Amino acid sequence: MRNKFAKRIKELRLERKLTQRELSEYFGFDRSTVSDWETRGREPSFDLLIEIANYFDVTLDYLLGKTDI
């Protein structure tokens, strides 16, 4: 899941022309958190995954790389 999530979160962020800082500020945490997701393979909590999926208007399956739709 980690590599797929890292790829998806970065793709979604860039599609919307958001910086790591802008995304992190929306959710109320430090920019390094988004960087860790995208480059170090760290994963957010399940509750935060749901919030991220809702923010980008995608399913959890898509966000986690289980589907391409």
Protein backbone atom coordinates (compact mmCIF):
# COMPACT_ATOMS: atom_id res chain seq x y z
CA MET A 1 0.00 0.00 0.00
CA ARG A 2 2.75 2.45 0.88
CA ASN A 3 4.22 2.97 -2.57
CA LYS A 4 0.81 3.17 -4.20
CA PHE A 5 -0.48 5.60 -1.59
CA ALA A 6 2.64 7.77 -1.94
CA LYS A 7 2.20 7.91 -5.70
CA ARG A 8 -1.53 8.66 -5.50
CA ILE A 9 -1.34 11.38 -2.88
CA LYS A 10 1.38 13.17 -4.85
CA GLU A 11 -0.54 12.83 -8.13
CA LEU A 12 -3.74 14.16 -6.57
CA ARG A 13 -1.92 17.05 -4.92
CA LEU A 14 -0.15 18.05 -8.13
CA GLU A 15 -3.31 17.72 -10.25
CA ARG A 16 -4.87 20.35 -8.03
CA LYS A 17 -1.72 22.48 -8.11
CA LEU A 18 -1.28 22.28 -4.34
CA THR A 19 2.02 22.55 -2.54
CA GLN A 20 2.83 20.19 0.30
CA ARG A 21 2.47 23.16 2.63
CA GLU A 22 -1.01 24.06 1.34
CA LEU A 23 -2.23 20.50 1.75
CA SER A 24 -0.73 20.18 5.22
CA GLU A 25 -2.21 23.49 6.35
CA TYR A 26 -5.67 22.41 5.22
CA PHE A 27 -5.46 19.36 7.50
CA GLY A 28 -3.64 21.21 10.28
CA PHE A 29 -0.25 19.54 10.41
CA ASP A 30 3.33 20.28 9.36
CA ARG A 31 4.49 20.14 5.73
CA SER A 32 6.98 17.41 6.62
CA THR A 33 4.05 15.06 7.21
CA VAL A 34 3.01 15.27 3.55
CA SER A 35 6.63 14.92 2.52
CA ASP A 36 6.91 11.76 4.63
CA TRP A 37 3.86 10.31 2.90
CA GLU A 38 5.22 11.05 -0.55
CA THR A 39 8.87 10.16 -0.08
CA ARG A 40 9.29 7.93 2.96
CA GLY A 41 6.24 5.74 2.56
CA ARG A 42 4.67 6.77 5.83
CA GLU A 43 0.93 6.34 6.10
CA PRO A 44 -1.71 8.43 7.83
CA SER A 45 -4.23 6.95 10.25
CA PHE A 46 -7.35 5.33 8.85
CA ASP A 47 -9.47 8.29 9.96
CA LEU A 48 -7.16 10.70 8.15
CA LEU A 49 -7.18 8.50 5.04
CA ILE A 50 -10.95 8.93 4.96
CA GLU A 51 -10.60 12.71 5.29
CA ILE A 52 -8.01 12.81 2.51
CA ALA A 53 -10.19 10.70 0.20
CA ASN A 54 -13.13 13.00 0.88
CA TYR A 55 -11.00 16.10 0.29
CA PHE A 56 -9.89 14.84 -3.12
CA ASP A 57 -13.31 13.32 -3.87
CA VAL A 58 -11.90 9.84 -4.48
CA THR A 59 -12.59 6.44 -2.95
CA LEU A 60 -10.32 4.87 -0.37
CA ASP A 61 -9.64 2.08 -2.86
CA TYR A 62 -8.40 4.63 -5.38
CA LEU A 63 -6.33 6.51 -2.81
CA LEU A 64 -4.70 3.27 -1.69
CA GLY A 65 -4.03 2.12 -5.25
CA LYS A 66 -6.44 -0.80 -5.23
CA THR A 67 -8.40 0.56 -8.19
CA ASP A 68 -7.77 3.06 -10.97
CA ILE A 69 -11.28 4.49 -10.97
